[in-house]
C-alpha atoms as a PDB file:
ATOM      1  CA  UNK A   1      23.488   2.242  10.671  1.00  0.00           C
ATOM      2  CA  UNK A   2      24.945   5.249  12.502  1.00  0.00           C
ATOM      3  CA  UNK A   3      25.651   8.775  11.313  1.00  0.00           C
ATOM      4  CA  UNK A   4      29.273   7.990  10.418  1.00  0.00           C
ATOM      5  CA  UNK A   5      28.265   5.030   8.248  1.00  0.00           C
ATOM      6  CA  UNK A   6      25.472   7.045   6.622  1.00  0.00           C
ATOM      7  CA  UNK A   7      27.920   9.814   5.765  1.00  0.00           C
ATOM      8  CA  UNK A   8      30.225   7.347   4.058  1.00  0.00           C
ATOM      9  CA  UNK A   9      27.309   5.887   2.103  1.00  0.00           C
ATOM     10  CA  UNK A  10      25.876   9.148   0.777  1.00  0.00           C
ATOM     11  CA  UNK A  11      28.870  11.470   0.375  1.00  0.00           C
ATOM     12  CA  UNK A  12      29.700  10.407  -3.203  1.00  0.00           C
ATOM     13  CA  UNK A  13      26.279   9.114  -4.237  1.00  0.00           C
ATOM     14  CA  UNK A  14      24.500  10.086  -7.436  1.00  0.00           C
ATOM     15  CA  UNK A  15      21.222   8.703  -6.085  1.00  0.00           C
ATOM     16  CA  UNK A  16      20.328   8.427  -2.385  1.00  0.00           C
ATOM     17  CA  UNK A  17      17.426   6.055  -1.666  1.00  0.00           C
ATOM     18  CA  UNK A  18      15.958   5.932   1.842  1.00  0.00           C
ATOM     19  CA  UNK A  19      14.668   2.385   2.372  1.00  0.00           C
ATOM     20  CA  UNK A  20      13.805   1.997   6.054  1.00  0.00           C
ATOM     21  CA  UNK A  21      10.587   1.311   8.003  1.00  0.00           C
ATOM     22  CA  UNK A  22       8.009   4.034   7.407  1.00  0.00           C
ATOM     23  CA  UNK A  23       7.907   4.835  11.134  1.00  0.00           C
ATOM     24  CA  UNK A  24      11.522   6.099  11.046  1.00  0.00           C
ATOM     25  CA  UNK A  25      11.759   7.330   7.455  1.00  0.00           C
ATOM     26  CA  UNK A  26      11.569  11.026   8.263  1.00  0.00           C
ATOM     27  CA  UNK A  27      14.074  10.650  11.114  1.00  0.00           C
ATOM     28  CA  UNK A  28      16.586   9.061   8.747  1.00  0.00           C
ATOM     29  CA  UNK A  29      15.935  11.735   6.116  1.00  0.00           C
ATOM     30  CA  UNK A  30      16.734  14.465   8.632  1.00  0.00           C
ATOM     31  CA  UNK A  31      19.832  12.563   9.760  1.00  0.00           C
ATOM     32  CA  UNK A  32      21.365  12.167   6.316  1.00  0.00           C
ATOM     33  CA  UNK A  33      19.795  15.176   4.584  1.00  0.00           C
ATOM     34  CA  UNK A  34      22.660  17.595   5.326  1.00  0.00           C
ATOM     35  CA  UNK A  35      25.103  14.998   3.941  1.00  0.00           C
ATOM     36  CA  UNK A  36      23.404  14.421   0.585  1.00  0.00           C
ATOM     37  CA  UNK A  37      25.456  15.889  -2.315  1.00  0.00           C
ATOM     38  CA  UNK A  38      23.915  18.941  -3.955  1.00  0.00           C
ATOM     39  CA  UNK A  39      23.659  17.248  -7.341  1.00  0.00           C
ATOM     40  CA  UNK A  40      22.339  13.886  -6.062  1.00  0.00           C
ATOM     41  CA  UNK A  41      18.783  12.642  -6.487  1.00  0.00           C
ATOM     42  CA  UNK A  42      17.188  12.268  -3.031  1.00  0.00           C
ATOM     43  CA  UNK A  43      14.427   9.666  -2.977  1.00  0.00           C
ATOM     44  CA  UNK A  44      12.632   7.093  -0.816  1.00  0.00           C
ATOM     45  CA  UNK A  45      10.535   3.942  -1.267  1.00  0.00           C
ATOM     46  CA  UNK A  46       8.105   4.119   1.644  1.00  0.00           C
ATOM     47  CA  UNK A  47       4.332   3.701   1.386  1.00  0.00           C
ATOM     48  CA  UNK A  48       3.538   7.261   2.554  1.00  0.00           C
ATOM     49  CA  UNK A  49       4.634  10.236   0.507  1.00  0.00           C
ATOM     50  CA  UNK A  50       3.557  13.590   1.977  1.00  0.00           C
ATOM     51  CA  UNK A  51       5.827  13.606   5.040  1.00  0.00           C
ATOM     52  CA  UNK A  52       8.944  12.059   3.462  1.00  0.00           C
ATOM     53  CA  UNK A  53       8.807  14.246   0.335  1.00  0.00           C
ATOM     54  CA  UNK A  54       8.399  17.378   2.437  1.00  0.00           C
ATOM     55  CA  UNK A  55      11.331  16.320   4.631  1.00  0.00           C
ATOM     56  CA  UNK A  56      13.638  15.567   1.680  1.00  0.00           C
ATOM     57  CA  UNK A  57      12.775  18.931   0.131  1.00  0.00           C
ATOM     58  CA  UNK A  58      14.444  20.658   3.083  1.00  0.00           C
ATOM     59  CA  UNK A  59      17.820  19.360   1.893  1.00  0.00           C
ATOM     60  CA  UNK A  60      17.704  18.914  -1.875  1.00  0.00           C
ATOM     61  CA  UNK A  61      16.471  20.421  -5.127  1.00  0.00           C
ATOM     62  CA  UNK A  62      16.334  16.956  -6.700  1.00  0.00           C
ATOM     63  CA  UNK A  63      13.550  15.140  -4.823  1.00  0.00           C
ATOM     64  CA  UNK A  64      11.462  12.132  -5.792  1.00  0.00           C
ATOM     65  CA  UNK A  65       9.063  10.079  -3.693  1.00  0.00           C
ATOM     66  CA  UNK A  66       8.697   6.472  -4.883  1.00  0.00           C
ATOM     67  CA  UNK A  67       6.314   3.693  -3.895  1.00  0.00           C
ATOM     68  CA  UNK A  68       6.666   0.246  -5.480  1.00  0.00           C
ATOM     69  CA  UNK A  69       3.176  -1.228  -5.047  1.00  0.00           C
ATOM     70  CA  UNK A  70       4.249  -4.817  -4.461  1.00  0.00           C
ATOM     71  CA  UNK A  71       6.145  -7.017  -2.025  1.00  0.00           C
ATOM     72  CA  UNK A  72       9.905  -7.619  -2.383  1.00  0.00           C
ATOM     73  CA  UNK A  73       9.165 -11.304  -2.997  1.00  0.00           C
ATOM     74  CA  UNK A  74       7.454 -10.423  -6.299  1.00  0.00           C
ATOM     75  CA  UNK A  75       9.173  -9.570  -9.581  1.00  0.00           C
ATOM     76  CA  UNK A  76       9.031  -6.003 -10.930  1.00  0.00           C
ATOM     77  CA  UNK A  77       7.498  -6.886 -14.300  1.00  0.00           C
ATOM     78  CA  UNK A  78       3.839  -5.929 -14.522  1.00  0.00           C
ATOM     79  CA  UNK A  79       3.752  -4.278 -11.093  1.00  0.00           C
ATOM     80  CA  UNK A  80       2.520  -0.755 -10.329  1.00  0.00           C
ATOM     81  CA  UNK A  81       4.997   1.880  -9.167  1.00  0.00           C
ATOM     82  CA  UNK A  82       3.973   5.385  -8.072  1.00  0.00           C
ATOM     83  CA  UNK A  83       6.418   8.263  -8.561  1.00  0.00           C
ATOM     84  CA  UNK A  84       5.996  11.665  -6.919  1.00  0.00           C
ATOM     85  CA  UNK A  85       8.568  14.054  -8.440  1.00  0.00           C
ATOM     86  CA  UNK A  86       8.796  17.141  -6.254  1.00  0.00           C
ATOM     87  CA  UNK A  87      11.718  19.056  -7.754  1.00  0.00           C
ATOM     88  CA  UNK A  88      14.493  18.805 -10.325  1.00  0.00           C
ATOM     89  CA  UNK A  89      14.716  16.631 -13.427  1.00  0.00           C
ATOM     90  CA  UNK A  90      16.939  13.772 -12.288  1.00  0.00           C
ATOM     91  CA  UNK A  91      13.903  11.763 -11.182  1.00  0.00           C
ATOM     92  CA  UNK A  92      13.450  10.601 -14.784  1.00  0.00           C
ATOM     93  CA  UNK A  93      16.423   8.266 -14.227  1.00  0.00           C
ATOM     94  CA  UNK A  94      14.274   6.252 -11.834  1.00  0.00           C
ATOM     95  CA  UNK A  95      11.283   6.445 -14.164  1.00  0.00           C
ATOM     96  CA  UNK A  96      13.408   4.867 -16.891  1.00  0.00           C
ATOM     97  CA  UNK A  97      14.670   2.217 -14.463  1.00  0.00           C
ATOM     98  CA  UNK A  98      11.180   1.053 -13.509  1.00  0.00           C
ATOM     99  CA  UNK A  99       9.882   1.112 -17.074  1.00  0.00           C
ATOM    100  CA  UNK A 100      12.938  -0.758 -18.382  1.00  0.00           C
ATOM    101  CA  UNK A 101      12.159  -3.530 -15.875  1.00  0.00           C
ATOM    102  CA  UNK A 102       8.545  -3.806 -17.007  1.00  0.00           C
ATOM    103  CA  UNK A 103       6.751  -1.852 -14.283  1.00  0.00           C
ATOM    104  CA  UNK A 104       3.640   0.242 -14.881  1.00  0.00           C
ATOM    105  CA  UNK A 105       4.576   3.749 -13.703  1.00  0.00           C
ATOM    106  CA  UNK A 106       2.090   6.351 -12.457  1.00  0.00           C
ATOM    107  CA  UNK A 107       3.393   9.895 -11.964  1.00  0.00           C
ATOM    108  CA  UNK A 108       1.420  11.807  -9.347  1.00  0.00           C
ATOM    109  CA  UNK A 109       1.815  14.148  -6.380  1.00  0.00           C
ATOM    110  CA  UNK A 110       2.218  13.169  -2.702  1.00  0.00           C
ATOM    111  CA  UNK A 111      -1.290  14.213  -1.683  1.00  0.00           C
ATOM    112  CA  UNK A 112      -3.015  12.272  -4.461  1.00  0.00           C
ATOM    113  CA  UNK A 113      -0.775   9.271  -3.770  1.00  0.00           C
ATOM    114  CA  UNK A 114      -1.685   9.172  -0.089  1.00  0.00           C
ATOM    115  CA  UNK A 115      -5.400   9.495  -0.869  1.00  0.00           C
ATOM    116  CA  UNK A 116      -5.228   6.590  -3.322  1.00  0.00           C
ATOM    117  CA  UNK A 117      -3.096   4.423  -1.046  1.00  0.00           C
ATOM    118  CA  UNK A 118      -5.523   4.954   1.830  1.00  0.00           C
ATOM    119  CA  UNK A 119      -7.900   2.788  -0.237  1.00  0.00           C
ATOM    120  CA  UNK A 120      -5.416   0.454  -1.925  1.00  0.00           C
ATOM    121  CA  UNK A 121      -3.483  -0.332   1.267  1.00  0.00           C
ATOM    122  CA  UNK A 122      -5.109   1.364   4.249  1.00  0.00           C
ATOM    123  CA  UNK A 123      -8.632   0.083   3.624  1.00  0.00           C
ATOM    124  CA  UNK A 124      -7.544  -3.346   2.397  1.00  0.00           C
ATOM    125  CA  UNK A 125      -5.236  -4.007   5.340  1.00  0.00           C
ATOM    126  CA  UNK A 126      -7.776  -2.688   7.835  1.00  0.00           C
ATOM    127  CA  UNK A 127     -10.529  -4.905   6.416  1.00  0.00           C
ATOM    128  CA  UNK A 128      -8.196  -7.923   6.642  1.00  0.00           C
ATOM    129  CA  UNK A 129      -7.389  -7.085  10.261  1.00  0.00           C
ATOM    130  CA  UNK A 130     -11.100  -6.865  11.057  1.00  0.00           C
ATOM    131  CA  UNK A 131     -11.770 -10.147   9.224  1.00  0.00           C
ATOM    132  CA  UNK A 132      -9.020 -11.895  11.199  1.00  0.00           C
ATOM    133  CA  UNK A 133     -10.321 -10.514  14.478  1.00  0.00           C
ATOM    134  CA  UNK A 134     -13.883 -11.668  13.741  1.00  0.00           C
ATOM    135  CA  UNK A 135     -12.625 -15.186  12.966  1.00  0.00           C
ATOM    136  CA  UNK A 136     -10.528 -15.149  16.146  1.00  0.00           C
ATOM    137  CA  UNK A 137     -13.604 -14.213  18.194  1.00  0.00           C
ATOM    138  CA  UNK A 138     -15.950 -16.718  16.566  1.00  0.00           C
ATOM    139  CA  UNK A 139     -16.922 -19.996  18.207  1.00  0.00           C
ATOM    140  CA  UNK A 140     -15.955 -21.837  15.032  1.00  0.00           C
ATOM    141  CA  UNK A 141     -12.243 -21.260  14.386  1.00  0.00           C
ATOM    142  CA  UNK A 142     -10.503 -21.009  11.040  1.00  0.00           C
ATOM    143  CA  UNK A 143      -9.437 -24.673  10.966  1.00  0.00           C
ATOM    144  CA  UNK A 144     -13.026 -25.838  11.473  1.00  0.00           C
ATOM    145  CA  UNK A 145     -14.391 -23.303   8.981  1.00  0.00           C
ATOM    146  CA  UNK A 146     -12.024 -24.577   6.292  1.00  0.00           C
ATOM    147  CA  UNK A 147     -13.982 -27.840   6.229  1.00  0.00           C
ATOM    148  CA  UNK A 148     -16.828 -25.806   4.697  1.00  0.00           C
ATOM    149  CA  UNK A 149     -14.659 -23.341   2.802  1.00  0.00           C
ATOM    150  CA  UNK A 150     -15.702 -21.705  -0.456  1.00  0.00           C
ATOM    151  CA  UNK A 151     -13.090 -20.503  -2.980  1.00  0.00           C
ATOM    152  CA  UNK A 152     -13.735 -16.896  -1.959  1.00  0.00           C
ATOM    153  CA  UNK A 153     -13.251 -17.692   1.726  1.00  0.00           C
ATOM    154  CA  UNK A 154      -9.963 -19.425   0.912  1.00  0.00           C
ATOM    155  CA  UNK A 155      -8.710 -16.498  -1.177  1.00  0.00           C
ATOM    156  CA  UNK A 156      -9.621 -13.860   1.398  1.00  0.00           C
ATOM    157  CA  UNK A 157      -8.222 -15.781   4.358  1.00  0.00           C
ATOM    158  CA  UNK A 158      -5.019 -16.632   2.464  1.00  0.00           C
ATOM    159  CA  UNK A 159      -4.504 -12.939   1.726  1.00  0.00           C
ATOM    160  CA  UNK A 160      -5.208 -12.129   5.368  1.00  0.00           C
ATOM    161  CA  UNK A 161      -2.787 -14.809   6.570  1.00  0.00           C
ATOM    162  CA  UNK A 162      -0.167 -13.498   4.124  1.00  0.00           C
ATOM    163  CA  UNK A 163      -0.381 -10.116   5.840  1.00  0.00           C
ATOM    164  CA  UNK A 164      -0.334 -11.645   9.334  1.00  0.00           C
ATOM    165  CA  UNK A 165       2.804 -13.592   8.408  1.00  0.00           C
ATOM    166  CA  UNK A 166       4.709 -10.302   8.228  1.00  0.00           C
ATOM    167  CA  UNK A 167       5.754  -7.646  10.725  1.00  0.00           C
ATOM    168  CA  UNK A 168       2.952  -6.172  12.876  1.00  0.00           C
ATOM    169  CA  UNK A 169       5.005  -2.999  13.191  1.00  0.00           C
ATOM    170  CA  UNK A 170       4.921  -2.506   9.427  1.00  0.00           C
ATOM    171  CA  UNK A 171       1.145  -2.723   9.218  1.00  0.00           C
ATOM    172  CA  UNK A 172       0.555  -0.576  12.279  1.00  0.00           C
ATOM    173  CA  UNK A 173       2.860   2.055  10.779  1.00  0.00           C
ATOM    174  CA  UNK A 174       1.057   1.959   7.436  1.00  0.00           C
ATOM    175  CA  UNK A 175      -2.212   2.634   9.264  1.00  0.00           C
ATOM    176  CA  UNK A 176      -0.743   5.327  11.499  1.00  0.00           C
ATOM    177  CA  UNK A 177       1.569   7.229   9.147  1.00  0.00           C
ATOM    178  CA  UNK A 178      -0.756   7.940   6.219  1.00  0.00           C
ATOM    179  CA  UNK A 179      -2.808  11.020   7.203  1.00  0.00           C
ATOM    180  CA  UNK A 180      -5.674   9.865   4.962  1.00  0.00           C
ATOM    181  CA  UNK A 181      -6.195   6.501   6.675  1.00  0.00           C
ATOM    182  CA  UNK A 182      -8.132   7.692   9.711  1.00  0.00           C
ATOM    183  CA  UNK A 183     -10.978   8.972   7.544  1.00  0.00           C
ATOM    184  CA  UNK A 184     -11.071   5.737   5.552  1.00  0.00           C
ATOM    185  CA  UNK A 185     -11.209   3.628   8.721  1.00  0.00           C
ATOM    186  CA  UNK A 186     -14.115   5.726   9.963  1.00  0.00           C
ATOM    187  CA  UNK A 187     -15.952   5.235   6.660  1.00  0.00           C
ATOM    188  CA  UNK A 188     -15.367   1.484   6.985  1.00  0.00           C
ATOM    189  CA  UNK A 189     -16.938   1.400  10.443  1.00  0.00           C
ATOM    190  CA  UNK A 190     -19.869   3.584   9.355  1.00  0.00           C
ATOM    191  CA  UNK A 191     -20.395   1.473   6.222  1.00  0.00           C
ATOM    192  CA  UNK A 192     -20.408  -1.786   8.197  1.00  0.00           C
ATOM    193  CA  UNK A 193     -23.153  -0.432  10.439  1.00  0.00           C
ATOM    194  CA  UNK A 194     -25.072   0.947   7.458  1.00  0.00           C
ATOM    195  CA  UNK A 195     -24.966  -2.304   5.459  1.00  0.00           C
ATOM    196  CA  UNK A 196     -25.915  -4.297   8.552  1.00  0.00           C
ATOM    197  CA  UNK A 197     -29.076  -2.205   8.907  1.00  0.00           C
ATOM    198  CA  UNK A 198     -29.935  -2.639   5.212  1.00  0.00           C
ATOM    199  CA  UNK A 199     -30.041  -6.438   5.558  1.00  0.00           C
ATOM    200  CA  UNK A 200     -33.512  -6.145   7.092  1.00  0.00           C
ATOM    201  CA  UNK A 201     -34.802  -4.080   4.155  1.00  0.00           C
ATOM    202  CA  UNK A 202     -34.727  -6.122   0.904  1.00  0.00           C
ATOM    203  CA  UNK A 203     -35.638  -3.217  -1.369  1.00  0.00           C
ATOM    204  CA  UNK A 204     -33.065  -0.793   0.021  1.00  0.00           C
ATOM    205  CA  UNK A 205     -30.449  -3.543   0.157  1.00  0.00           C
ATOM    206  CA  UNK A 206     -30.948  -4.334  -3.538  1.00  0.00           C
ATOM    207  CA  UNK A 207     -30.808  -0.658  -4.462  1.00  0.00           C
ATOM    208  CA  UNK A 208     -27.540  -0.138  -2.579  1.00  0.00           C
ATOM    209  CA  UNK A 209     -26.150  -3.386  -4.003  1.00  0.00           C
ATOM    210  CA  UNK A 210     -26.699  -2.047  -7.537  1.00  0.00           C
ATOM    211  CA  UNK A 211     -25.210   1.337  -6.644  1.00  0.00           C
ATOM    212  CA  UNK A 212     -22.070  -0.245  -5.217  1.00  0.00           C
ATOM    213  CA  UNK A 213     -21.668  -2.374  -8.330  1.00  0.00           C
ATOM    214  CA  UNK A 214     -21.427   0.780 -10.439  1.00  0.00           C
ATOM    215  CA  UNK A 215     -18.011   1.463  -8.872  1.00  0.00           C
ATOM    216  CA  UNK A 216     -16.484  -1.643 -10.455  1.00  0.00           C
ATOM    217  CA  UNK A 217     -15.916  -3.254 -13.851  1.00  0.00           C
ATOM    218  CA  UNK A 218     -18.062  -6.240 -12.998  1.00  0.00           C
ATOM    219  CA  UNK A 219     -17.529  -8.302 -16.140  1.00  0.00           C
ATOM    220  CA  UNK A 220     -13.743  -8.010 -16.084  1.00  0.00           C
ATOM    221  CA  UNK A 221     -13.634  -8.745 -12.364  1.00  0.00           C
ATOM    222  CA  UNK A 222     -15.797 -11.835 -12.831  1.00  0.00           C
ATOM    223  CA  UNK A 223     -13.464 -13.194 -15.516  1.00  0.00           C
ATOM    224  CA  UNK A 224     -10.289 -12.524 -13.505  1.00  0.00           C
ATOM    225  CA  UNK A 225     -11.684 -14.030 -10.326  1.00  0.00           C
ATOM    226  CA  UNK A 226     -12.964 -17.097 -12.217  1.00  0.00           C
ATOM    227  CA  UNK A 227      -9.454 -17.682 -13.581  1.00  0.00           C
ATOM    228  CA  UNK A 228      -7.981 -17.260 -10.100  1.00  0.00           C
ATOM    229  CA  UNK A 229     -10.436 -19.747  -8.602  1.00  0.00           C
ATOM    230  CA  UNK A 230      -9.750 -22.272 -11.370  1.00  0.00           C
ATOM    231  CA  UNK A 231      -6.001 -21.918 -10.831  1.00  0.00           C
ATOM    232  CA  UNK A 232      -6.249 -22.333  -7.068  1.00  0.00           C
ATOM    233  CA  UNK A 233      -8.505 -25.362  -7.480  1.00  0.00           C
ATOM    234  CA  UNK A 234      -5.788 -27.049  -9.535  1.00  0.00           C
ATOM    235  CA  UNK A 235      -3.111 -26.665  -6.845  1.00  0.00           C
END
């Protein structure tokens, strides 16, 4: 969409939502920013918040960063949505919208959002990319491995394949655009080396295993994963 079309879209808008690939979000914001009505809510739905919110704030006093934490193929009900209100009070219109449709809304700031998403998306996607690359490099390919598959292997590889079935540009941009992701990737690499070394030391391995378990609600996770495995086994 060109500048002329964008001007027609936003000139009479009450709410302007930027919904474009994260790699060009700030470019589009700067393109349409001068055209956004003074009393309109200026918002976006990209997965990174610091840059877009800062860019929108150059043009409006009614700014909200939004991040629906689910794929478009899923329904809104029960899903997490992060809202980063930067200025003004009109953002509550979108808060009401998400809540009315059954979403769980978290109100935060752009910095905290990007730190959290570096784990929720950055780390998860990166680990899936590494998993896929290890399988690709192995002598026994995925098709052969499936003959010996456990439920956990099936779940993890299905989630990985789900990601790989989408746009590579999207996932590269998610890794590149969030300023917090580089540090998380480095921790992943360091942790892989650290855990690999612990395998040869049973006592230290067990100690670290227990320490890592303290980060999670083990009982609840066991119950949820058992239900997931039972459901998948019935398909």
